[in-house]
Amino acid sequence: MQAFLEVAHDADVLPLAAPVGAQLFWLAREGAAHGQLLQQAVQARVGPLGLRAAEQDLAEIDIDQDILWEQASAPGGGLYAWVAGEAGAVMAIRRHLVKDCGIDKRAITFMGYWRHGKVLD
């Protein structure tokens, strides 16, 4: 298991204990855009998995108007991803995992619960 945690600065890194076999990767933005390092880390570590990419409908969500919130419905046994954070970054990671890597979208939970520079009603 791998967890990528994006923070503003190196000083924001916390001494968290990870379960045995889990790896924590702290990504300090230090001025980079919100989600940029997270997107790069996921793309670098999760590339095409040789999976047959089924035609999956990825509804385009207007992240300036709506919240991207999809819960996994069939995580069963294989790869499972949980992605939460700034909506633009979550949308990009969602597209990469489903379209580029061929991961079944039903095995991924996405939560784009905030938008940089935008207040959601």
PDB file of N, CA and C in Angstrom:
ATOM      1  N   MET A   1       0.847  -1.167   0.000  1.00  0.00           N
ATOM      2  CA  MET A   1       0.000   0.000   0.000  1.00  0.00           C
ATOM      3  C   MET A   1       0.895   1.233   0.000  1.00  0.00           C
ATOM      4  N   GLN A   2       0.486   2.223  -0.791  1.00  0.00           N
ATOM      5  CA  GLN A   2       1.197   3.485  -0.849  1.00  0.00           C
ATOM      6  C   GLN A   2       0.217   4.613  -0.602  1.00  0.00           C
ATOM      7  N   ALA A   3       0.663   5.608   0.159  1.00  0.00           N
ATOM      8  CA  ALA A   3      -0.161   6.797   0.406  1.00  0.00           C
ATOM      9  C   ALA A   3       0.684   8.019   0.086  1.00  0.00           C
ATOM     10  N   PHE A   4       0.126   8.903  -0.736  1.00  0.00           N
ATOM     11  CA  PHE A   4       0.787  10.141  -1.119  1.00  0.00           C
ATOM     12  C   PHE A   4       0.054  11.284  -0.426  1.00  0.00           C
ATOM     13  N   LEU A   5       0.789  12.071   0.345  1.00  0.00           N
ATOM     14  CA  LEU A   5       0.199  13.160   1.108  1.00  0.00           C
ATOM     15  C   LEU A   5       0.869  14.466   0.699  1.00  0.00           C
ATOM     16  N   GLU A   6       0.066  15.385   0.177  1.00  0.00           N
ATOM     17  CA  GLU A   6       0.612  16.656  -0.272  1.00  0.00           C
ATOM     18  C   GLU A   6       0.407  17.716   0.802  1.00  0.00           C
ATOM     19  N   VAL A   7       1.490  18.427   1.105  1.00  0.00           N
ATOM     20  CA  VAL A   7       1.454  19.506   2.093  1.00  0.00           C
ATOM     21  C   VAL A   7       2.119  20.744   1.493  1.00  0.00           C
ATOM     22  N   ALA A   8       1.903  21.885   2.110  1.00  0.00           N
ATOM     23  CA  ALA A   8       2.447  23.135   1.583  1.00  0.00           C
ATOM     24  C   ALA A   8       3.980  23.197   1.696  1.00  0.00           C
ATOM     25  N   HIS A   9       4.513  22.781   2.852  1.00  0.00           N
ATOM     26  CA  HIS A   9       5.953  22.942   3.109  1.00  0.00           C
ATOM     27  C   HIS A   9       6.502  21.710   3.816  1.00  0.00           C
ATOM     28  N   ASP A  10       7.812  21.533   3.725  1.00  0.00           N
ATOM     29  CA  ASP A  10       8.457  20.430   4.451  1.00  0.00           C
ATOM     30  C   ASP A  10       8.142  20.479   5.941  1.00  0.00           C
ATOM     31  N   ALA A  11       7.991  21.684   6.483  1.00  0.00           N
ATOM     32  CA  ALA A  11       7.702  21.846   7.913  1.00  0.00           C
ATOM     33  C   ALA A  11       6.329  21.285   8.289  1.00  0.00           C
ATOM     34  N   ASP A  12       5.471  21.025   7.294  1.00  0.00           N
ATOM     35  CA  ASP A  12       4.129  20.508   7.557  1.00  0.00           C
ATOM     36  C   ASP A  12       4.078  18.988   7.633  1.00  0.00           C
ATOM     37  N   VAL A  13       5.170  18.321   7.342  1.00  0.00           N
ATOM     38  CA  VAL A  13       5.219  16.857   7.387  1.00  0.00           C
ATOM     39  C   VAL A  13       5.074  16.406   8.836  1.00  0.00           C
ATOM     40  N   LEU A  14       4.225  15.425   9.060  1.00  0.00           N
ATOM     41  CA  LEU A  14       3.972  14.908  10.408  1.00  0.00           C
ATOM     42  C   LEU A  14       4.597  13.531  10.570  1.00  0.00           C
ATOM     43  N   PRO A  15       5.030  13.207  11.776  1.00  0.00           N
ATOM     44  CA  PRO A  15       5.615  11.887  12.024  1.00  0.00           C
ATOM     45  C   PRO A  15       4.516  10.831  12.205  1.00  0.00           C
ATOM     46  N   LEU A  16       3.947  10.387  11.109  1.00  0.00           N
ATOM     47  CA  LEU A  16       2.879   9.394  11.170  1.00  0.00           C
ATOM     48  C   LEU A  16       3.450   7.978  11.106  1.00  0.00           C
ATOM     49  N   ALA A  17       2.870   7.094  11.861  1.00  0.00           N
ATOM     50  CA  ALA A  17       3.265   5.686  11.803  1.00  0.00           C
ATOM     51  C   ALA A  17       2.381   4.991  10.776  1.00  0.00           C
ATOM     52  N   ALA A  18       3.002   4.305   9.847  1.00  0.00           N
ATOM     53  CA  ALA A  18       2.258   3.575   8.814  1.00  0.00           C
ATOM     54  C   ALA A  18       2.180   2.114   9.209  1.00  0.00           C
ATOM     55  N   PRO A  19       1.100   1.448   8.821  1.00  0.00           N
ATOM     56  CA  PRO A  19       1.007   0.009   9.080  1.00  0.00           C
ATOM     57  C   PRO A  19       2.151  -0.738   8.379  1.00  0.00           C
ATOM     58  N   VAL A  20       2.459  -1.913   8.847  1.00  0.00           N
ATOM     59  CA  VAL A  20       3.506  -2.733   8.238  1.00  0.00           C
ATOM     60  C   VAL A  20       3.178  -2.927   6.754  1.00  0.00           C
ATOM     61  N   GLY A  21       4.162  -2.723   5.907  1.00  0.00           N
ATOM     62  CA  GLY A  21       3.983  -2.895   4.475  1.00  0.00           C
ATOM     63  C   GLY A  21       3.475  -1.667   3.748  1.00  0.00           C
ATOM     64  N   ALA A  22       3.106  -0.636   4.493  1.00  0.00           N
ATOM     65  CA  ALA A  22       2.604   0.590   3.872  1.00  0.00           C
ATOM     66  C   ALA A  22       3.738   1.602   3.755  1.00  0.00           C
ATOM     67  N   GLN A  23       3.668   2.398   2.715  1.00  0.00           N
ATOM     68  CA  GLN A  23       4.653   3.446   2.510  1.00  0.00           C
ATOM     69  C   GLN A  23       3.940   4.785   2.442  1.00  0.00           C
ATOM     70  N   LEU A  24       4.477   5.765   3.182  1.00  0.00           N
ATOM     71  CA  LEU A  24       3.959   7.129   3.129  1.00  0.00           C
ATOM     72  C   LEU A  24       4.937   7.981   2.338  1.00  0.00           C
ATOM     73  N   PHE A  25       4.416   8.737   1.388  1.00  0.00           N
ATOM     74  CA  PHE A  25       5.232   9.653   0.602  1.00  0.00           C
ATOM     75  C   PHE A  25       4.698  11.063   0.846  1.00  0.00           C
ATOM     76  N   TRP A  26       5.501  11.897   1.472  1.00  0.00           N
ATOM     77  CA  TRP A  26       5.127  13.279   1.728  1.00  0.00           C
ATOM     78  C   TRP A  26       5.604  14.116   0.555  1.00  0.00           C
ATOM     79  N   LEU A  27       4.731  14.924   0.011  1.00  0.00           N
ATOM     80  CA  LEU A  27       5.026  15.766  -1.141  1.00  0.00           C
ATOM     81  C   LEU A  27       4.853  17.218  -0.722  1.00  0.00           C
ATOM     82  N   ALA A  28       5.956  17.910  -0.498  1.00  0.00           N
ATOM     83  CA  ALA A  28       5.910  19.315  -0.068  1.00  0.00           C
ATOM     84  C   ALA A  28       5.895  20.202  -1.313  1.00  0.00           C
ATOM     85  N   ARG A  29       4.812  20.958  -1.480  1.00  0.00           N
ATOM     86  CA  ARG A  29       4.636  21.809  -2.668  1.00  0.00           C
ATOM     87  C   ARG A  29       5.709  22.879  -2.790  1.00  0.00           C
ATOM     88  N   GLU A  30       6.037  23.542  -1.710  1.00  0.00           N
ATOM     89  CA  GLU A  30       7.034  24.619  -1.722  1.00  0.00           C
ATOM     90  C   GLU A  30       6.815  25.554  -2.912  1.00  0.00           C
ATOM     91  N   GLY A  31       5.561  25.974  -3.115  1.00  0.00           N
ATOM     92  CA  GLY A  31       5.232  26.926  -4.170  1.00  0.00           C
ATOM     93  C   GLY A  31       4.620  26.311  -5.420  1.00  0.00           C
ATOM     94  N   ALA A  32       4.691  25.004  -5.586  1.00  0.00           N
ATOM     95  CA  ALA A  32       4.060  24.349  -6.737  1.00  0.00           C
ATOM     96  C   ALA A  32       2.544  24.473  -6.604  1.00  0.00           C
ATOM     97  N   ALA A  33       1.840  24.314  -7.693  1.00  0.00           N
ATOM     98  CA  ALA A  33       0.377  24.394  -7.687  1.00  0.00           C
ATOM     99  C   ALA A  33      -0.229  23.260  -6.862  1.00  0.00           C
ATOM    100  N   HIS A  34      -1.383  23.534  -6.270  1.00  0.00           N
ATOM    101  CA  HIS A  34      -2.107  22.504  -5.516  1.00  0.00           C
ATOM    102  C   HIS A  34      -2.354  21.301  -6.417  1.00  0.00           C
ATOM    103  N   GLY A  35      -1.969  20.133  -5.953  1.00  0.00           N
ATOM    104  CA  GLY A  35      -2.222  18.898  -6.683  1.00  0.00           C
ATOM    105  C   GLY A  35      -1.169  18.532  -7.709  1.00  0.00           C
ATOM    106  N   GLN A  36      -0.298  19.454  -8.071  1.00  0.00           N
ATOM    107  CA  GLN A  36       0.693  19.192  -9.118  1.00  0.00           C
ATOM    108  C   GLN A  36       1.614  18.031  -8.749  1.00  0.00           C
ATOM    109  N   LEU A  37       2.184  18.061  -7.546  1.00  0.00           N
ATOM    110  CA  LEU A  37       3.102  17.002  -7.137  1.00  0.00           C
ATOM    111  C   LEU A  37       2.372  15.676  -6.957  1.00  0.00           C
ATOM    112  N   LEU A  38       1.141  15.740  -6.488  1.00  0.00           N
ATOM    113  CA  LEU A  38       0.339  14.537  -6.324  1.00  0.00           C
ATOM    114  C   LEU A  38       0.070  13.882  -7.678  1.00  0.00           C
ATOM    115  N   GLN A  39      -0.323  14.688  -8.663  1.00  0.00           N
ATOM    116  CA  GLN A  39      -0.551  14.155 -10.004  1.00  0.00           C
ATOM    117  C   GLN A  39       0.720  13.525 -10.568  1.00  0.00           C
ATOM    118  N   GLN A  40       1.833  14.214 -10.423  1.00  0.00           N
ATOM    119  CA  GLN A  40       3.100  13.700 -10.943  1.00  0.00           C
ATOM    120  C   GLN A  40       3.500  12.393 -10.260  1.00  0.00           C
ATOM    121  N   ALA A  41       3.289  12.309  -8.952  1.00  0.00           N
ATOM    122  CA  ALA A  41       3.651  11.093  -8.215  1.00  0.00           C
ATOM    123  C   ALA A  41       2.806   9.908  -8.661  1.00  0.00           C
ATOM    124  N   VAL A  42       1.517  10.120  -8.818  1.00  0.00           N
ATOM    125  CA  VAL A  42       0.633   9.029  -9.252  1.00  0.00           C
ATOM    126  C   VAL A  42       0.990   8.610 -10.669  1.00  0.00           C
ATOM    127  N   GLN A  43       1.210   9.571 -11.556  1.00  0.00           N
ATOM    128  CA  GLN A  43       1.552   9.235 -12.937  1.00  0.00           C
ATOM    129  C   GLN A  43       2.891   8.502 -13.020  1.00  0.00           C
ATOM    130  N   ALA A  44       3.843   8.859 -12.167  1.00  0.00           N
ATOM    131  CA  ALA A  44       5.150   8.207 -12.180  1.00  0.00           C
ATOM    132  C   ALA A  44       5.094   6.787 -11.627  1.00  0.00           C
ATOM    133  N   ARG A  45       4.207   6.547 -10.659  1.00  0.00           N
ATOM    134  CA  ARG A  45       4.180   5.243  -9.999  1.00  0.00           C
ATOM    135  C   ARG A  45       3.089   4.315 -10.513  1.00  0.00           C
ATOM    136  N   VAL A  46       2.063   4.875 -11.142  1.00  0.00           N
ATOM    137  CA  VAL A  46       0.972   4.046 -11.663  1.00  0.00           C
ATOM    138  C   VAL A  46       0.835   4.358 -13.143  1.00  0.00           C
ATOM    139  N   GLY A  47       1.510   3.575 -13.926  1.00  0.00           N
ATOM    140  CA  GLY A  47       1.431   3.719 -15.376  1.00  0.00           C
ATOM    141  C   GLY A  47       0.498   2.664 -15.930  1.00  0.00           C
ATOM    142  N   PRO A  48       0.468   2.538 -17.256  1.00  0.00           N
ATOM    143  CA  PRO A  48      -0.369   1.500 -17.856  1.00  0.00           C
ATOM    144  C   PRO A  48      -0.048   0.140 -17.252  1.00  0.00           C
ATOM    145  N   LEU A  49      -1.067  -0.542 -16.800  1.00  0.00           N
ATOM    146  CA  LEU A  49      -0.881  -1.807 -16.093  1.00  0.00           C
ATOM    147  C   LEU A  49      -1.088  -3.026 -16.972  1.00  0.00           C
ATOM    148  N   GLY A  50      -1.188  -2.811 -18.277  1.00  0.00           N
ATOM    149  CA  GLY A  50      -1.421  -3.931 -19.172  1.00  0.00           C
ATOM    150  C   GLY A  50      -2.837  -4.458 -19.066  1.00  0.00           C
ATOM    151  N   LEU A  51      -3.702  -3.692 -18.442  1.00  0.00           N
ATOM    152  CA  LEU A  51      -5.090  -4.095 -18.310  1.00  0.00           C
ATOM    153  C   LEU A  51      -5.838  -3.706 -19.577  1.00  0.00           C
ATOM    154  N   ARG A  52      -6.773  -4.512 -19.961  1.00  0.00           N
ATOM    155  CA  ARG A  52      -7.613  -4.163 -21.094  1.00  0.00           C
ATOM    156  C   ARG A  52      -8.554  -3.074 -20.629  1.00  0.00           C
ATOM    157  N   ALA A  53      -8.364  -1.911 -21.154  1.00  0.00           N
ATOM    158  CA  ALA A  53      -9.186  -0.772 -20.735  1.00  0.00           C
ATOM    159  C   ALA A  53     -10.580  -0.911 -21.316  1.00  0.00           C
ATOM    160  N   ALA A  54     -11.495  -1.316 -20.490  1.00  0.00           N
ATOM    161  CA  ALA A  54     -12.889  -1.424 -20.928  1.00  0.00           C
ATOM    162  C   ALA A  54     -13.410  -0.024 -21.226  1.00  0.00           C
ATOM    163  N   GLU A  55     -14.353   0.042 -22.117  1.00  0.00           N
ATOM    164  CA  GLU A  55     -14.976   1.336 -22.375  1.00  0.00           C
ATOM    165  C   GLU A  55     -15.734   1.740 -21.117  1.00  0.00           C
ATOM    166  N   GLN A  56     -15.218   2.733 -20.459  1.00  0.00           N
ATOM    167  CA  GLN A  56     -15.833   3.202 -19.234  1.00  0.00           C
ATOM    168  C   GLN A  56     -16.284   4.635 -19.428  1.00  0.00           C
ATOM    169  N   ASP A  57     -17.491   4.882 -19.092  1.00  0.00           N
ATOM    170  CA  ASP A  57     -18.020   6.228 -19.205  1.00  0.00           C
ATOM    171  C   ASP A  57     -17.530   7.046 -18.020  1.00  0.00           C
ATOM    172  N   LEU A  58     -16.718   8.039 -18.316  1.00  0.00           N
ATOM    173  CA  LEU A  58     -16.290   8.972 -17.285  1.00  0.00           C
ATOM    174  C   LEU A  58     -17.041  10.262 -17.534  1.00  0.00           C
ATOM    175  N   ALA A  59     -18.112  10.427 -16.819  1.00  0.00           N
ATOM    176  CA  ALA A  59     -18.910  11.636 -16.982  1.00  0.00           C
ATOM    177  C   ALA A  59     -18.039  12.847 -16.685  1.00  0.00           C
ATOM    178  N   GLU A  60     -18.084  13.809 -17.571  1.00  0.00           N
ATOM    179  CA  GLU A  60     -17.360  15.050 -17.333  1.00  0.00           C
ATOM    180  C   GLU A  60     -18.134  15.847 -16.290  1.00  0.00           C
ATOM    181  N   ILE A  61     -17.445  16.220 -15.262  1.00  0.00           N
ATOM    182  CA  ILE A  61     -18.056  16.942 -14.155  1.00  0.00           C
ATOM    183  C   ILE A  61     -17.505  18.359 -14.154  1.00  0.00           C
ATOM    184  N   ASP A  62     -18.379  19.320 -14.078  1.00  0.00           N
ATOM    185  CA  ASP A  62     -17.966  20.717 -13.997  1.00  0.00           C
ATOM    186  C   ASP A  62     -17.541  20.966 -12.561  1.00  0.00           C
ATOM    187  N   ILE A  63     -16.232  20.875 -12.327  1.00  0.00           N
ATOM    188  CA  ILE A  63     -15.739  20.968 -10.952  1.00  0.00           C
ATOM    189  C   ILE A  63     -15.835  22.372 -10.374  1.00  0.00           C
ATOM    190  N   ASP A  64     -16.221  23.335 -11.203  1.00  0.00           N
ATOM    191  CA  ASP A  64     -16.477  24.676 -10.672  1.00  0.00           C
ATOM    192  C   ASP A  64     -17.910  24.805 -10.166  1.00  0.00           C
ATOM    193  N   GLN A  65     -18.767  23.864 -10.540  1.00  0.00           N
ATOM    194  CA  GLN A  65     -20.174  23.899 -10.140  1.00  0.00           C
ATOM    195  C   GLN A  65     -20.562  22.747  -9.219  1.00  0.00           C
ATOM    196  N   ASP A  66     -19.943  21.580  -9.422  1.00  0.00           N
ATOM    197  CA  ASP A  66     -20.338  20.378  -8.693  1.00  0.00           C
ATOM    198  C   ASP A  66     -19.141  19.777  -7.970  1.00  0.00           C
ATOM    199  N   ILE A  67     -19.419  18.892  -7.056  1.00  0.00           N
ATOM    200  CA  ILE A  67     -18.381  18.182  -6.324  1.00  0.00           C
ATOM    201  C   ILE A  67     -18.167  16.823  -6.986  1.00  0.00           C
ATOM    202  N   LEU A  68     -16.912  16.499  -7.273  1.00  0.00           N
ATOM    203  CA  LEU A  68     -16.567  15.185  -7.810  1.00  0.00           C
ATOM    204  C   LEU A  68     -16.556  14.210  -6.641  1.00  0.00           C
ATOM    205  N   TRP A  69     -17.513  13.302  -6.646  1.00  0.00           N
ATOM    206  CA  TRP A  69     -17.661  12.381  -5.522  1.00  0.00           C
ATOM    207  C   TRP A  69     -18.195  11.058  -6.052  1.00  0.00           C
ATOM    208  N   GLU A  70     -17.313  10.092  -6.226  1.00  0.00           N
ATOM    209  CA  GLU A  70     -17.706   8.764  -6.694  1.00  0.00           C
ATOM    210  C   GLU A  70     -17.134   7.738  -5.729  1.00  0.00           C
ATOM    211  N   GLN A  71     -17.970   6.835  -5.268  1.00  0.00           N
ATOM    212  CA  GLN A  71     -17.502   5.813  -4.343  1.00  0.00           C
ATOM    213  C   GLN A  71     -17.324   4.495  -5.071  1.00  0.00           C
ATOM    214  N   ALA A  72     -16.267   3.772  -4.705  1.00  0.00           N
ATOM    215  CA  ALA A  72     -16.007   2.461  -5.290  1.00  0.00           C
ATOM    216  C   ALA A  72     -17.182   1.544  -5.005  1.00  0.00           C
ATOM    217  N   SER A  73     -17.540   0.764  -6.013  1.00  0.00           N
ATOM    218  CA  SER A  73     -18.646  -0.171  -5.824  1.00  0.00           C
ATOM    219  C   SER A  73     -18.194  -1.619  -5.954  1.00  0.00           C
ATOM    220  N   ALA A  74     -17.000  -1.841  -6.496  1.00  0.00           N
ATOM    221  CA  ALA A  74     -16.532  -3.212  -6.686  1.00  0.00           C
ATOM    222  C   ALA A  74     -15.020  -3.303  -6.467  1.00  0.00           C
ATOM    223  N   PRO A  75     -14.535  -2.937  -5.262  1.00  0.00           N
ATOM    224  CA  PRO A  75     -13.093  -2.958  -5.059  1.00  0.00           C
ATOM    225  C   PRO A  75     -12.491  -4.352  -5.020  1.00  0.00           C
ATOM    226  N   GLY A  76     -13.269  -5.365  -4.702  1.00  0.00           N
ATOM    227  CA  GLY A  76     -12.908  -6.760  -4.515  1.00  0.00           C
ATOM    228  C   GLY A  76     -11.521  -7.236  -4.883  1.00  0.00           C
ATOM    229  N   GLY A  77     -10.629  -7.431  -4.003  1.00  0.00           N
ATOM    230  CA  GLY A  77      -9.411  -8.194  -4.162  1.00  0.00           C
ATOM    231  C   GLY A  77      -8.270  -7.592  -4.966  1.00  0.00           C
ATOM    232  N   GLY A  78      -8.516  -6.875  -6.033  1.00  0.00           N
ATOM    233  CA  GLY A  78      -7.435  -6.333  -6.849  1.00  0.00           C
ATOM    234  C   GLY A  78      -7.018  -4.956  -6.391  1.00  0.00           C
ATOM    235  N   LEU A  79      -6.559  -4.179  -7.319  1.00  0.00           N
ATOM    236  CA  LEU A  79      -6.136  -2.824  -7.017  1.00  0.00           C
ATOM    237  C   LEU A  79      -7.322  -1.982  -6.570  1.00  0.00           C
ATOM    238  N   TYR A  80      -7.099  -1.171  -5.566  1.00  0.00           N
ATOM    239  CA  TYR A  80      -8.108  -0.231  -5.083  1.00  0.00           C
ATOM    240  C   TYR A  80      -7.417   1.097  -4.855  1.00  0.00           C
ATOM    241  N   ALA A  81      -8.033   2.180  -5.279  1.00  0.00           N
ATOM    242  CA  ALA A  81      -7.466   3.511  -5.055  1.00  0.00           C
ATOM    243  C   ALA A  81      -8.493   4.396  -4.373  1.00  0.00           C
ATOM    244  N   TRP A  82      -8.007   5.254  -3.503  1.00  0.00           N
ATOM    245  CA  TRP A  82      -8.827   6.246  -2.814  1.00  0.00           C
ATOM    246  C   TRP A  82      -8.132   7.572  -3.044  1.00  0.00           C
ATOM    247  N   VAL A  83      -8.794   8.487  -3.749  1.00  0.00           N
ATOM    248  CA  VAL A  83      -8.188   9.759  -4.128  1.00  0.00           C
ATOM    249  C   VAL A  83      -9.070  10.881  -3.610  1.00  0.00           C
ATOM    250  N   ALA A  84      -8.491  11.773  -2.807  1.00  0.00           N
ATOM    251  CA  ALA A  84      -9.254  12.896  -2.267  1.00  0.00           C
ATOM    252  C   ALA A  84      -8.384  14.124  -2.263  1.00  0.00           C
ATOM    253  N   GLY A  85      -9.013  15.273  -2.515  1.00  0.00           N
ATOM    254  CA  GLY A  85      -8.267  16.519  -2.464  1.00  0.00           C
ATOM    255  C   GLY A  85      -8.875  17.575  -3.358  1.00  0.00           C
ATOM    256  N   GLU A  86      -8.014  18.459  -3.862  1.00  0.00           N
ATOM    257  CA  GLU A  86      -8.434  19.550  -4.724  1.00  0.00           C
ATOM    258  C   GLU A  86      -9.042  18.971  -6.005  1.00  0.00           C
ATOM    259  N   ALA A  87     -10.209  19.471  -6.374  1.00  0.00           N
ATOM    260  CA  ALA A  87     -11.014  18.865  -7.440  1.00  0.00           C
ATOM    261  C   ALA A  87     -10.296  18.745  -8.780  1.00  0.00           C
ATOM    262  N   GLY A  88      -9.533  19.738  -9.169  1.00  0.00           N
ATOM    263  CA  GLY A  88      -8.817  19.665 -10.439  1.00  0.00           C
ATOM    264  C   GLY A  88      -7.793  18.547 -10.451  1.00  0.00           C
ATOM    265  N   ALA A  89      -7.067  18.391  -9.351  1.00  0.00           N
ATOM    266  CA  ALA A  89      -6.076  17.314  -9.245  1.00  0.00           C
ATOM    267  C   ALA A  89      -6.755  15.953  -9.214  1.00  0.00           C
ATOM    268  N   VAL A  90      -7.835  15.839  -8.465  1.00  0.00           N
ATOM    269  CA  VAL A  90      -8.557  14.568  -8.379  1.00  0.00           C
ATOM    270  C   VAL A  90      -9.102  14.174  -9.747  1.00  0.00           C
ATOM    271  N   MET A  91      -9.626  15.137 -10.501  1.00  0.00           N
ATOM    272  CA  MET A  91     -10.152  14.871 -11.837  1.00  0.00           C
ATOM    273  C   MET A  91      -9.039  14.354 -12.757  1.00  0.00           C
ATOM    274  N   ALA A  92      -7.871  14.966 -12.701  1.00  0.00           N
ATOM    275  CA  ALA A  92      -6.748  14.541 -13.539  1.00  0.00           C
ATOM    276  C   ALA A  92      -6.270  13.143 -13.156  1.00  0.00           C
ATOM    277  N   ILE A  93      -6.194  12.868 -11.861  1.00  0.00           N
ATOM    278  CA  ILE A  93      -5.760  11.543 -11.399  1.00  0.00           C
ATOM    279  C   ILE A  93      -6.795  10.500 -11.781  1.00  0.00           C
ATOM    280  N   ARG A  94      -8.069  10.832 -11.639  1.00  0.00           N
ATOM    281  CA  ARG A  94      -9.169   9.939 -12.039  1.00  0.00           C
ATOM    282  C   ARG A  94      -9.018   9.557 -13.511  1.00  0.00           C
ATOM    283  N   ARG A  95      -8.824  10.551 -14.369  1.00  0.00           N
ATOM    284  CA  ARG A  95      -8.682  10.309 -15.802  1.00  0.00           C
ATOM    285  C   ARG A  95      -7.465   9.419 -16.079  1.00  0.00           C
ATOM    286  N   HIS A  96      -6.350   9.673 -15.406  1.00  0.00           N
ATOM    287  CA  HIS A  96      -5.132   8.876 -15.604  1.00  0.00           C
ATOM    288  C   HIS A  96      -5.356   7.417 -15.208  1.00  0.00           C
ATOM    289  N   LEU A  97      -5.906   7.200 -14.012  1.00  0.00           N
ATOM    290  CA  LEU A  97      -6.083   5.832 -13.533  1.00  0.00           C
ATOM    291  C   LEU A  97      -7.060   5.030 -14.395  1.00  0.00           C
ATOM    292  N   VAL A  98      -8.139   5.674 -14.821  1.00  0.00           N
ATOM    293  CA  VAL A  98      -9.169   4.959 -15.577  1.00  0.00           C
ATOM    294  C   VAL A  98      -8.812   4.864 -17.060  1.00  0.00           C
ATOM    295  N   LYS A  99      -8.511   5.981 -17.669  1.00  0.00           N
ATOM    296  CA  LYS A  99      -8.292   5.998 -19.121  1.00  0.00           C
ATOM    297  C   LYS A  99      -6.897   5.524 -19.524  1.00  0.00           C
ATOM    298  N   ASP A 100      -5.869   5.976 -18.816  1.00  0.00           N
ATOM    299  CA  ASP A 100      -4.501   5.632 -19.197  1.00  0.00           C
ATOM    300  C   ASP A 100      -4.056   4.280 -18.648  1.00  0.00           C
ATOM    301  N   CYS A 101      -4.491   3.956 -17.427  1.00  0.00           N
ATOM    302  CA  CYS A 101      -4.034   2.725 -16.784  1.00  0.00           C
ATOM    303  C   CYS A 101      -5.014   1.565 -16.947  1.00  0.00           C
ATOM    304  N   GLY A 102      -6.260   1.854 -17.319  1.00  0.00           N
ATOM    305  CA  GLY A 102      -7.244   0.798 -17.521  1.00  0.00           C
ATOM    306  C   GLY A 102      -7.836   0.234 -16.251  1.00  0.00           C
ATOM    307  N   ILE A 103      -7.723   0.973 -15.154  1.00  0.00           N
ATOM    308  CA  ILE A 103      -8.282   0.503 -13.880  1.00  0.00           C
ATOM    309  C   ILE A 103      -9.791   0.707 -13.898  1.00  0.00           C
ATOM    310  N   ASP A 104     -10.517  -0.292 -13.465  1.00  0.00           N
ATOM    311  CA  ASP A 104     -11.976  -0.210 -13.417  1.00  0.00           C
ATOM    312  C   ASP A 104     -12.377   0.921 -12.472  1.00  0.00           C
ATOM    313  N   LYS A 105     -13.157   1.862 -12.976  1.00  0.00           N
ATOM    314  CA  LYS A 105     -13.537   3.012 -12.142  1.00  0.00           C
ATOM    315  C   LYS A 105     -14.332   2.593 -10.918  1.00  0.00           C
ATOM    316  N   ARG A 106     -14.926   1.400 -10.957  1.00  0.00           N
ATOM    317  CA  ARG A 106     -15.680   0.918  -9.793  1.00  0.00           C
ATOM    318  C   ARG A 106     -14.759   0.514  -8.649  1.00  0.00           C
ATOM    319  N   ALA A 107     -13.436   0.476  -8.909  1.00  0.00           N
ATOM    320  CA  ALA A 107     -12.474   0.113  -7.871  1.00  0.00           C
ATOM    321  C   ALA A 107     -11.758   1.336  -7.304  1.00  0.00           C
ATOM    322  N   ILE A 108     -12.293   2.526  -7.612  1.00  0.00           N
ATOM    323  CA  ILE A 108     -11.638   3.741  -7.167  1.00  0.00           C
ATOM    324  C   ILE A 108     -12.664   4.681  -6.536  1.00  0.00           C
ATOM    325  N   THR A 109     -12.331   5.205  -5.387  1.00  0.00           N
ATOM    326  CA  THR A 109     -13.152   6.227  -4.748  1.00  0.00           C
ATOM    327  C   THR A 109     -12.490   7.572  -5.001  1.00  0.00           C
ATOM    328  N   PHE A 110     -13.266   8.518  -5.540  1.00  0.00           N
ATOM    329  CA  PHE A 110     -12.768   9.855  -5.856  1.00  0.00           C
ATOM    330  C   PHE A 110     -13.546  10.878  -5.053  1.00  0.00           C
ATOM    331  N   MET A 111     -12.836  11.805  -4.429  1.00  0.00           N
ATOM    332  CA  MET A 111     -13.490  12.886  -3.691  1.00  0.00           C
ATOM    333  C   MET A 111     -12.752  14.192  -3.953  1.00  0.00           C
ATOM    334  N   GLY A 112     -13.262  14.979  -4.880  1.00  0.00           N
ATOM    335  CA  GLY A 112     -12.720  16.308  -5.127  1.00  0.00           C
ATOM    336  C   GLY A 112     -13.550  17.286  -4.324  1.00  0.00           C
ATOM    337  N   TYR A 113     -13.241  17.421  -3.066  1.00  0.00           N
ATOM    338  CA  TYR A 113     -14.135  18.116  -2.147  1.00  0.00           C
ATOM    339  C   TYR A 113     -13.836  19.601  -1.962  1.00  0.00           C
ATOM    340  N   TRP A 114     -12.813  20.108  -2.648  1.00  0.00           N
ATOM    341  CA  TRP A 114     -12.573  21.547  -2.611  1.00  0.00           C
ATOM    342  C   TRP A 114     -11.932  21.967  -3.918  1.00  0.00           C
ATOM    343  N   ARG A 115     -12.050  23.233  -4.252  1.00  0.00           N
ATOM    344  CA  ARG A 115     -11.541  23.780  -5.509  1.00  0.00           C
ATOM    345  C   ARG A 115     -10.713  25.010  -5.188  1.00  0.00           C
ATOM    346  N   HIS A 116      -9.473  25.020  -5.616  1.00  0.00           N
ATOM    347  CA  HIS A 116      -8.583  26.156  -5.342  1.00  0.00           C
ATOM    348  C   HIS A 116      -9.189  27.440  -5.893  1.00  0.00           C
ATOM    349  N   GLY A 117      -9.338  28.443  -5.015  1.00  0.00           N
ATOM    350  CA  GLY A 117      -9.861  29.740  -5.422  1.00  0.00           C
ATOM    351  C   GLY A 117     -11.361  29.809  -5.570  1.00  0.00           C
ATOM    352  N   LYS A 118     -12.080  28.783  -5.150  1.00  0.00           N
ATOM    353  CA  LYS A 118     -13.539  28.746  -5.360  1.00  0.00           C
ATOM    354  C   LYS A 118     -14.219  28.290  -4.081  1.00  0.00           C
ATOM    355  N   VAL A 119     -15.310  28.939  -3.743  1.00  0.00           N
ATOM    356  CA  VAL A 119     -16.135  28.523  -2.612  1.00  0.00           C
ATOM    357  C   VAL A 119     -17.358  27.818  -3.189  1.00  0.00           C
ATOM    358  N   LEU A 120     -17.564  26.565  -2.796  1.00  0.00           N
ATOM    359  CA  LEU A 120     -18.751  25.826  -3.242  1.00  0.00           C
ATOM    360  C   LEU A 120     -19.908  26.092  -2.301  1.00  0.00           C
ATOM    361  N   ASP A 121     -21.066  26.264  -2.869  1.00  0.00           N
ATOM    362  CA  ASP A 121     -22.267  26.486  -2.054  1.00  0.00           C
ATOM    363  C   ASP A 121     -22.802  25.192  -1.511  1.00  0.00           C
TER     364      ASP A 121
END
